[in-house]
Amino acid sequence: MNAPRQIRQHRFQPAEGACEILFVRHGESAPYVEGQPFALVGGHADPPLHPDGRVQAQQVADRLVATGERIAAIYVTNLTRTHETAAPLAERLGLELRVEPDLREVFLGEWEGGLLRKHVLDGDPIATLMYAEERWDVIPGAEPLEEFDSRIRAGVARIVATHPNELVVAVVHGGVIGQIMNIAAGTTGFRFTGADNASIHHVVVDGDRWIIRCFNDTSHLSPRFSTAPEPMT
């Protein structure tokens, strides 16, 4: 008589053809100085990294190199802070940065250039309404949620189609990470808003199935950076 089968538990393995993406929020960006809005690129605020953000970028590189995983590509958006965050990792791995513009931050309309930070800090009634309704497009002229969601899906789809059975890194923005997590979890609103600067988020995309493996991993960051996250961008 044969012994009954013993079926052990196993570590997660992506399905054949799936793409693993490590989404990294850019490091801390330069402070907004009242009366001195950030330069714009395509209408979007384009601040460089704060000096602390440059340290965070190095810590991200240290962490991802130390894992020993074979990273096939590094993606950034068309905004400076993602390039500066990804640069140390790209140099260590000998990879060229690839730009996926559809993963740029949500467009904030009349509050671009750093004004979101000011209005949130000042308790502007529109900021209060924005958090109550959990929609960025409460801001006058801001990108409609449906358009934001659509372009994120398109950007991720292009990466996935290019990298089946591979692991890639995409350095993006806080609002983008929040919406990616909403798509994966089937949630809405600001459930995943507030990703820390230089945090890591692991998502496996297998066709229409987006699997969250990790959200807001900051174990590689020094305690000095465990401060309240920026409200956006």
C-alpha atoms as a PDB file:
ATOM      1  CA  MET A   1       0.000   0.000   0.000  1.00  0.00           C
ATOM      2  CA  ASN A   2       1.394   3.374  -1.001  1.00  0.00           C
ATOM      3  CA  ALA A   3       1.949   5.970   1.690  1.00  0.00           C
ATOM      4  CA  PRO A   4      -0.281   9.053   1.414  1.00  0.00           C
ATOM      5  CA  ARG A   5       1.294  11.962  -0.397  1.00  0.00           C
ATOM      6  CA  GLN A   6       2.903  14.680   1.678  1.00  0.00           C
ATOM      7  CA  ILE A   7       2.297  18.013   0.009  1.00  0.00           C
ATOM      8  CA  ARG A   8       4.549  20.735   1.344  1.00  0.00           C
ATOM      9  CA  GLN A   9       4.111  24.456   1.169  1.00  0.00           C
ATOM     10  CA  HIS A  10       6.317  26.266  -1.310  1.00  0.00           C
ATOM     11  CA  ARG A  11       7.504  29.797  -1.848  1.00  0.00           C
ATOM     12  CA  PHE A  12       5.581  31.937  -4.314  1.00  0.00           C
ATOM     13  CA  GLN A  13       6.663  31.599  -7.929  1.00  0.00           C
ATOM     14  CA  PRO A  14       5.399  33.885 -10.710  1.00  0.00           C
ATOM     15  CA  ALA A  15       3.416  32.188 -13.426  1.00  0.00           C
ATOM     16  CA  GLU A  16       5.078  31.519 -16.765  1.00  0.00           C
ATOM     17  CA  GLY A  17       5.210  34.729 -18.773  1.00  0.00           C
ATOM     18  CA  ALA A  18       4.545  37.036 -15.808  1.00  0.00           C
ATOM     19  CA  CYS A  19       6.615  40.143 -15.163  1.00  0.00           C
ATOM     20  CA  GLU A  20       7.840  41.177 -11.715  1.00  0.00           C
ATOM     21  CA  ILE A  21       8.128  44.924 -11.159  1.00  0.00           C
ATOM     22  CA  LEU A  22       9.782  46.625  -8.207  1.00  0.00           C
ATOM     23  CA  PHE A  23       8.166  50.046  -8.107  1.00  0.00           C
ATOM     24  CA  VAL A  24      10.358  52.517  -6.228  1.00  0.00           C
ATOM     25  CA  ARG A  25       9.153  55.928  -5.157  1.00  0.00           C
ATOM     26  CA  HIS A  26      11.744  58.593  -5.902  1.00  0.00           C
ATOM     27  CA  GLY A  27      13.842  59.985  -3.058  1.00  0.00           C
ATOM     28  CA  GLU A  28      12.873  63.132  -1.196  1.00  0.00           C
ATOM     29  CA  SER A  29      12.685  66.055  -3.600  1.00  0.00           C
ATOM     30  CA  ALA A  30      13.744  69.649  -3.017  1.00  0.00           C
ATOM     31  CA  PRO A  31      11.512  71.757  -0.750  1.00  0.00           C
ATOM     32  CA  TYR A  32       8.961  74.104  -2.216  1.00  0.00           C
ATOM     33  CA  VAL A  33       9.832  77.724  -1.453  1.00  0.00           C
ATOM     34  CA  GLU A  34       6.807  80.015  -1.393  1.00  0.00           C
ATOM     35  CA  GLY A  35       6.716  82.296  -4.398  1.00  0.00           C
ATOM     36  CA  GLN A  36       9.283  80.161  -6.246  1.00  0.00           C
ATOM     37  CA  PRO A  37       7.390  77.375  -8.054  1.00  0.00           C
ATOM     38  CA  PHE A  38       9.314  74.423  -9.425  1.00  0.00           C
ATOM     39  CA  ALA A  39      10.249  74.370 -13.094  1.00  0.00           C
ATOM     40  CA  LEU A  40       7.766  72.423 -15.200  1.00  0.00           C
ATOM     41  CA  VAL A  41       8.250  69.623 -17.712  1.00  0.00           C
ATOM     42  CA  GLY A  42       5.185  69.017 -19.815  1.00  0.00           C
ATOM     43  CA  GLY A  43       3.183  70.917 -17.222  1.00  0.00           C
ATOM     44  CA  HIS A  44       4.445  68.764 -14.329  1.00  0.00           C
ATOM     45  CA  ALA A  45       6.597  70.037 -11.462  1.00  0.00           C
ATOM     46  CA  ASP A  46      10.194  68.918 -11.938  1.00  0.00           C
ATOM     47  CA  PRO A  47      12.195  69.472  -8.735  1.00  0.00           C
ATOM     48  CA  PRO A  48      15.555  67.752  -8.258  1.00  0.00           C
ATOM     49  CA  LEU A  49      16.287  65.575  -5.255  1.00  0.00           C
ATOM     50  CA  HIS A  50      17.002  67.042  -1.841  1.00  0.00           C
ATOM     51  CA  PRO A  51      20.468  66.023  -0.534  1.00  0.00           C
ATOM     52  CA  ASP A  52      18.710  63.508   1.727  1.00  0.00           C
ATOM     53  CA  GLY A  53      16.990  62.151  -1.348  1.00  0.00           C
ATOM     54  CA  ARG A  54      20.379  61.486  -2.936  1.00  0.00           C
ATOM     55  CA  VAL A  55      21.382  59.464   0.109  1.00  0.00           C
ATOM     56  CA  GLN A  56      18.114  57.550  -0.159  1.00  0.00           C
ATOM     57  CA  ALA A  57      18.894  56.795  -3.811  1.00  0.00           C
ATOM     58  CA  GLN A  58      22.185  55.219  -2.763  1.00  0.00           C
ATOM     59  CA  GLN A  59      20.403  53.171  -0.108  1.00  0.00           C
ATOM     60  CA  VAL A  60      17.922  51.892  -2.705  1.00  0.00           C
ATOM     61  CA  ALA A  61      20.846  50.843  -4.902  1.00  0.00           C
ATOM     62  CA  ASP A  62      22.571  49.112  -1.982  1.00  0.00           C
ATOM     63  CA  ARG A  63      19.398  47.194  -1.171  1.00  0.00           C
ATOM     64  CA  LEU A  64      18.589  46.059  -4.696  1.00  0.00           C
ATOM     65  CA  VAL A  65      22.148  45.089  -5.567  1.00  0.00           C
ATOM     66  CA  ALA A  66      22.454  43.141  -2.311  1.00  0.00           C
ATOM     67  CA  THR A  67      19.445  40.956  -3.154  1.00  0.00           C
ATOM     68  CA  GLY A  68      21.428  39.309  -5.936  1.00  0.00           C
ATOM     69  CA  GLU A  69      18.341  39.282  -8.165  1.00  0.00           C
ATOM     70  CA  ARG A  70      18.962  39.744 -11.868  1.00  0.00           C
ATOM     71  CA  ILE A  71      17.315  43.052 -12.776  1.00  0.00           C
ATOM     72  CA  ALA A  72      16.652  43.149 -16.509  1.00  0.00           C
ATOM     73  CA  ALA A  73      15.866  46.864 -16.864  1.00  0.00           C
ATOM     74  CA  ILE A  74      15.355  50.096 -14.963  1.00  0.00           C
ATOM     75  CA  TYR A  75      12.509  52.403 -15.942  1.00  0.00           C
ATOM     76  CA  VAL A  76      12.023  56.046 -14.988  1.00  0.00           C
ATOM     77  CA  THR A  77       9.570  58.780 -15.953  1.00  0.00           C
ATOM     78  CA  ASN A  78      10.370  62.004 -17.790  1.00  0.00           C
ATOM     79  CA  LEU A  79      10.844  63.842 -14.485  1.00  0.00           C
ATOM     80  CA  THR A  80      14.251  64.568 -12.967  1.00  0.00           C
ATOM     81  CA  ARG A  81      13.686  63.132  -9.508  1.00  0.00           C
ATOM     82  CA  THR A  82      13.145  59.623 -10.885  1.00  0.00           C
ATOM     83  CA  HIS A  83      16.320  59.789 -12.988  1.00  0.00           C
ATOM     84  CA  GLU A  84      18.366  60.965 -10.011  1.00  0.00           C
ATOM     85  CA  THR A  85      16.930  58.237  -7.792  1.00  0.00           C
ATOM     86  CA  ALA A  86      17.609  55.497 -10.335  1.00  0.00           C
ATOM     87  CA  ALA A  87      21.100  56.690 -11.323  1.00  0.00           C
ATOM     88  CA  PRO A  88      23.116  54.949  -8.544  1.00  0.00           C
ATOM     89  CA  LEU A  89      21.429  51.606  -9.232  1.00  0.00           C
ATOM     90  CA  ALA A  90      21.875  51.944 -12.991  1.00  0.00           C
ATOM     91  CA  GLU A  91      25.573  52.698 -12.530  1.00  0.00           C
ATOM     92  CA  ARG A  92      26.064  49.704 -10.236  1.00  0.00           C
ATOM     93  CA  LEU A  93      24.297  47.349 -12.637  1.00  0.00           C
ATOM     94  CA  GLY A  94      25.629  48.825 -15.870  1.00  0.00           C
ATOM     95  CA  LEU A  95      22.128  49.477 -17.239  1.00  0.00           C
ATOM     96  CA  GLU A  96      20.783  52.378 -19.278  1.00  0.00           C
ATOM     97  CA  LEU A  97      17.673  54.065 -17.931  1.00  0.00           C
ATOM     98  CA  ARG A  98      14.513  53.579 -19.988  1.00  0.00           C
ATOM     99  CA  VAL A  99      11.823  56.263 -19.961  1.00  0.00           C
ATOM    100  CA  GLU A 100       8.145  55.349 -19.617  1.00  0.00           C
ATOM    101  CA  PRO A 101       6.398  58.739 -19.686  1.00  0.00           C
ATOM    102  CA  ASP A 102       2.946  57.330 -18.930  1.00  0.00           C
ATOM    103  CA  LEU A 103       4.100  56.559 -15.384  1.00  0.00           C
ATOM    104  CA  ARG A 104       4.710  60.249 -14.619  1.00  0.00           C
ATOM    105  CA  GLU A 105       2.934  61.735 -11.625  1.00  0.00           C
ATOM    106  CA  VAL A 106      -0.733  62.723 -11.667  1.00  0.00           C
ATOM    107  CA  PHE A 107      -1.181  66.195 -13.171  1.00  0.00           C
ATOM    108  CA  LEU A 108      -2.298  68.630 -10.469  1.00  0.00           C
ATOM    109  CA  GLY A 109      -3.722  71.407 -12.633  1.00  0.00           C
ATOM    110  CA  GLU A 110      -3.708  74.777 -10.869  1.00  0.00           C
ATOM    111  CA  TRP A 111      -1.742  73.268  -7.973  1.00  0.00           C
ATOM    112  CA  GLU A 112       1.282  72.199  -9.996  1.00  0.00           C
ATOM    113  CA  GLY A 113       4.752  73.578  -9.343  1.00  0.00           C
ATOM    114  CA  GLY A 114       4.726  72.671  -5.649  1.00  0.00           C
ATOM    115  CA  LEU A 115       1.509  74.435  -4.680  1.00  0.00           C
ATOM    116  CA  LEU A 116      -0.103  71.215  -3.468  1.00  0.00           C
ATOM    117  CA  ARG A 117       2.313  71.140  -0.528  1.00  0.00           C
ATOM    118  CA  LYS A 118       1.426  74.703   0.424  1.00  0.00           C
ATOM    119  CA  HIS A 119      -2.340  74.248   0.138  1.00  0.00           C
ATOM    120  CA  VAL A 120      -2.343  70.992   2.097  1.00  0.00           C
ATOM    121  CA  LEU A 121      -0.224  72.550   4.861  1.00  0.00           C
ATOM    122  CA  ASP A 122      -2.470  75.625   4.954  1.00  0.00           C
ATOM    123  CA  GLY A 123      -5.636  73.542   5.232  1.00  0.00           C
ATOM    124  CA  ASP A 124      -7.129  74.829   2.002  1.00  0.00           C
ATOM    125  CA  PRO A 125     -10.832  73.825   1.722  1.00  0.00           C
ATOM    126  CA  ILE A 126     -10.164  72.167  -1.640  1.00  0.00           C
ATOM    127  CA  ALA A 127      -7.420  70.070  -0.040  1.00  0.00           C
ATOM    128  CA  THR A 128      -9.886  69.040   2.659  1.00  0.00           C
ATOM    129  CA  LEU A 129     -12.414  68.086  -0.022  1.00  0.00           C
ATOM    130  CA  MET A 130      -9.735  66.229  -1.972  1.00  0.00           C
ATOM    131  CA  TYR A 131      -8.987  63.980   0.998  1.00  0.00           C
ATOM    132  CA  ALA A 132     -12.680  63.579   1.816  1.00  0.00           C
ATOM    133  CA  GLU A 133     -13.535  62.457  -1.720  1.00  0.00           C
ATOM    134  CA  GLU A 134     -10.169  60.715  -2.208  1.00  0.00           C
ATOM    135  CA  ARG A 135      -9.674  62.102  -5.712  1.00  0.00           C
ATOM    136  CA  TRP A 136      -6.853  64.264  -7.067  1.00  0.00           C
ATOM    137  CA  ASP A 137      -9.169  65.722  -9.713  1.00  0.00           C
ATOM    138  CA  VAL A 138     -11.015  67.753  -7.076  1.00  0.00           C
ATOM    139  CA  ILE A 139      -8.151  70.196  -7.653  1.00  0.00           C
ATOM    140  CA  PRO A 140      -9.107  72.709 -10.393  1.00  0.00           C
ATOM    141  CA  GLY A 141      -7.713  71.610 -13.750  1.00  0.00           C
ATOM    142  CA  ALA A 142      -6.238  68.369 -12.380  1.00  0.00           C
ATOM    143  CA  GLU A 143      -6.075  65.170 -14.408  1.00  0.00           C
ATOM    144  CA  PRO A 144      -9.344  63.208 -14.345  1.00  0.00           C
ATOM    145  CA  LEU A 145      -9.055  59.952 -12.415  1.00  0.00           C
ATOM    146  CA  GLU A 146     -10.160  57.886 -15.384  1.00  0.00           C
ATOM    147  CA  GLU A 147      -7.410  59.340 -17.596  1.00  0.00           C
ATOM    148  CA  PHE A 148      -4.781  58.887 -14.866  1.00  0.00           C
ATOM    149  CA  ASP A 149      -5.803  55.262 -14.371  1.00  0.00           C
ATOM    150  CA  SER A 150      -5.825  54.566 -18.108  1.00  0.00           C
ATOM    151  CA  ARG A 151      -2.322  55.855 -18.769  1.00  0.00           C
ATOM    152  CA  ILE A 152      -0.866  53.986 -15.783  1.00  0.00           C
ATOM    153  CA  ARG A 153      -2.362  50.759 -17.094  1.00  0.00           C
ATOM    154  CA  ALA A 154      -0.919  51.513 -20.526  1.00  0.00           C
ATOM    155  CA  GLY A 155       2.554  52.248 -19.147  1.00  0.00           C
ATOM    156  CA  VAL A 156       2.641  49.099 -17.043  1.00  0.00           C
ATOM    157  CA  ALA A 157       1.320  47.039 -19.961  1.00  0.00           C
ATOM    158  CA  ARG A 158       4.202  48.162 -22.178  1.00  0.00           C
ATOM    159  CA  ILE A 159       6.753  47.184 -19.543  1.00  0.00           C
ATOM    160  CA  VAL A 160       5.114  43.804 -18.998  1.00  0.00           C
ATOM    161  CA  ALA A 161       4.952  43.064 -22.721  1.00  0.00           C
ATOM    162  CA  THR A 162       8.673  43.807 -23.034  1.00  0.00           C
ATOM    163  CA  HIS A 163       9.778  41.721 -20.040  1.00  0.00           C
ATOM    164  CA  PRO A 164       7.972  38.383 -19.711  1.00  0.00           C
ATOM    165  CA  ASN A 165       9.635  36.149 -17.111  1.00  0.00           C
ATOM    166  CA  GLU A 166      11.873  39.028 -15.984  1.00  0.00           C
ATOM    167  CA  LEU A 167      12.314  41.317 -12.992  1.00  0.00           C
ATOM    168  CA  VAL A 168      12.464  45.057 -13.630  1.00  0.00           C
ATOM    169  CA  VAL A 169      12.668  48.220 -11.529  1.00  0.00           C
ATOM    170  CA  ALA A 170      10.459  51.252 -12.187  1.00  0.00           C
ATOM    171  CA  VAL A 171      11.219  54.457 -10.295  1.00  0.00           C
ATOM    172  CA  VAL A 172       7.991  56.421 -10.179  1.00  0.00           C
ATOM    173  CA  HIS A 173       5.878  58.709  -7.971  1.00  0.00           C
ATOM    174  CA  GLY A 174       3.693  58.508  -4.888  1.00  0.00           C
ATOM    175  CA  GLY A 175       0.384  59.072  -6.634  1.00  0.00           C
ATOM    176  CA  VAL A 176       1.293  56.544  -9.304  1.00  0.00           C
ATOM    177  CA  ILE A 177       2.165  53.890  -6.716  1.00  0.00           C
ATOM    178  CA  GLY A 178      -1.128  54.521  -4.949  1.00  0.00           C
ATOM    179  CA  GLN A 179      -3.087  53.965  -8.153  1.00  0.00           C
ATOM    180  CA  ILE A 180      -1.057  50.881  -9.115  1.00  0.00           C
ATOM    181  CA  MET A 181      -1.921  49.364  -5.756  1.00  0.00           C
ATOM    182  CA  ASN A 182      -5.579  50.274  -6.242  1.00  0.00           C
ATOM    183  CA  ILE A 183      -5.578  48.471  -9.577  1.00  0.00           C
ATOM    184  CA  ALA A 184      -3.920  45.408  -8.066  1.00  0.00           C
ATOM    185  CA  ALA A 185      -6.137  45.312  -4.975  1.00  0.00           C
ATOM    186  CA  GLY A 186      -9.380  46.279  -6.670  1.00  0.00           C
ATOM    187  CA  THR A 187      -9.732  49.301  -4.399  1.00  0.00           C
ATOM    188  CA  THR A 188     -10.342  52.984  -5.039  1.00  0.00           C
ATOM    189  CA  GLY A 189      -9.431  56.339  -3.565  1.00  0.00           C
ATOM    190  CA  PHE A 190      -6.480  56.990  -1.290  1.00  0.00           C
ATOM    191  CA  ARG A 191      -6.191  53.528   0.280  1.00  0.00           C
ATOM    192  CA  PHE A 192      -2.513  53.348  -0.691  1.00  0.00           C
ATOM    193  CA  THR A 193      -1.612  57.035  -0.687  1.00  0.00           C
ATOM    194  CA  GLY A 194       1.403  58.027   1.405  1.00  0.00           C
ATOM    195  CA  ALA A 195       4.174  55.764   0.106  1.00  0.00           C
ATOM    196  CA  ASP A 196       7.437  56.887   1.683  1.00  0.00           C
ATOM    197  CA  ASN A 197      10.230  58.393  -0.355  1.00  0.00           C
ATOM    198  CA  ALA A 198      12.575  55.668  -1.662  1.00  0.00           C
ATOM    199  CA  SER A 199      10.169  52.920  -0.607  1.00  0.00           C
ATOM    200  CA  ILE A 200       9.960  49.663  -2.596  1.00  0.00           C
ATOM    201  CA  HIS A 201       6.735  48.007  -3.798  1.00  0.00           C
ATOM    202  CA  HIS A 202       6.724  44.559  -5.416  1.00  0.00           C
ATOM    203  CA  VAL A 203       3.995  43.717  -7.937  1.00  0.00           C
ATOM    204  CA  VAL A 204       3.720  40.678 -10.211  1.00  0.00           C
ATOM    205  CA  VAL A 205       1.700  41.224 -13.379  1.00  0.00           C
ATOM    206  CA  ASP A 206       0.296  38.075 -14.961  1.00  0.00           C
ATOM    207  CA  GLY A 207      -2.085  39.106 -17.725  1.00  0.00           C
ATOM    208  CA  ASP A 208      -5.007  40.919 -16.124  1.00  0.00           C
ATOM    209  CA  ARG A 209      -3.958  39.731 -12.674  1.00  0.00           C
ATOM    210  CA  TRP A 210      -1.801  42.150 -10.663  1.00  0.00           C
ATOM    211  CA  ILE A 211      -0.453  40.556  -7.489  1.00  0.00           C
ATOM    212  CA  ILE A 212       0.837  42.683  -4.608  1.00  0.00           C
ATOM    213  CA  ARG A 213       3.866  41.034  -3.037  1.00  0.00           C
ATOM    214  CA  CYS A 214       5.055  44.002  -0.969  1.00  0.00           C
ATOM    215  CA  PHE A 215       3.950  47.565  -0.181  1.00  0.00           C
ATOM    216  CA  ASN A 216       6.065  50.400   1.248  1.00  0.00           C
ATOM    217  CA  ASP A 217       9.204  48.468   2.184  1.00  0.00           C
ATOM    218  CA  THR A 218      11.584  50.961   3.843  1.00  0.00           C
ATOM    219  CA  SER A 219      13.824  48.509   5.698  1.00  0.00           C
ATOM    220  CA  HIS A 220      16.827  49.728   3.684  1.00  0.00           C
ATOM    221  CA  LEU A 221      16.442  53.351   4.797  1.00  0.00           C
ATOM    222  CA  SER A 222      18.179  54.964   7.752  1.00  0.00           C
ATOM    223  CA  PRO A 223      16.019  55.953  10.770  1.00  0.00           C
ATOM    224  CA  ARG A 224      16.722  59.606  10.009  1.00  0.00           C
ATOM    225  CA  PHE A 225      14.431  59.275   6.991  1.00  0.00           C
ATOM    226  CA  SER A 226      11.447  57.851   8.883  1.00  0.00           C
ATOM    227  CA  THR A 227       9.581  61.154   8.785  1.00  0.00           C
ATOM    228  CA  ALA A 228       6.084  61.949   7.567  1.00  0.00           C
ATOM    229  CA  PRO A 229       5.840  61.441   3.787  1.00  0.00           C
ATOM    230  CA  GLU A 230       5.275  64.299   1.397  1.00  0.00           C
ATOM    231  CA  PRO A 231       1.594  64.792   0.486  1.00  0.00           C
ATOM    232  CA  MET A 232       2.397  64.115  -3.178  1.00  0.00           C
ATOM    233  CA  THR A 233       4.897  64.209  -6.047  1.00  0.00           C
END
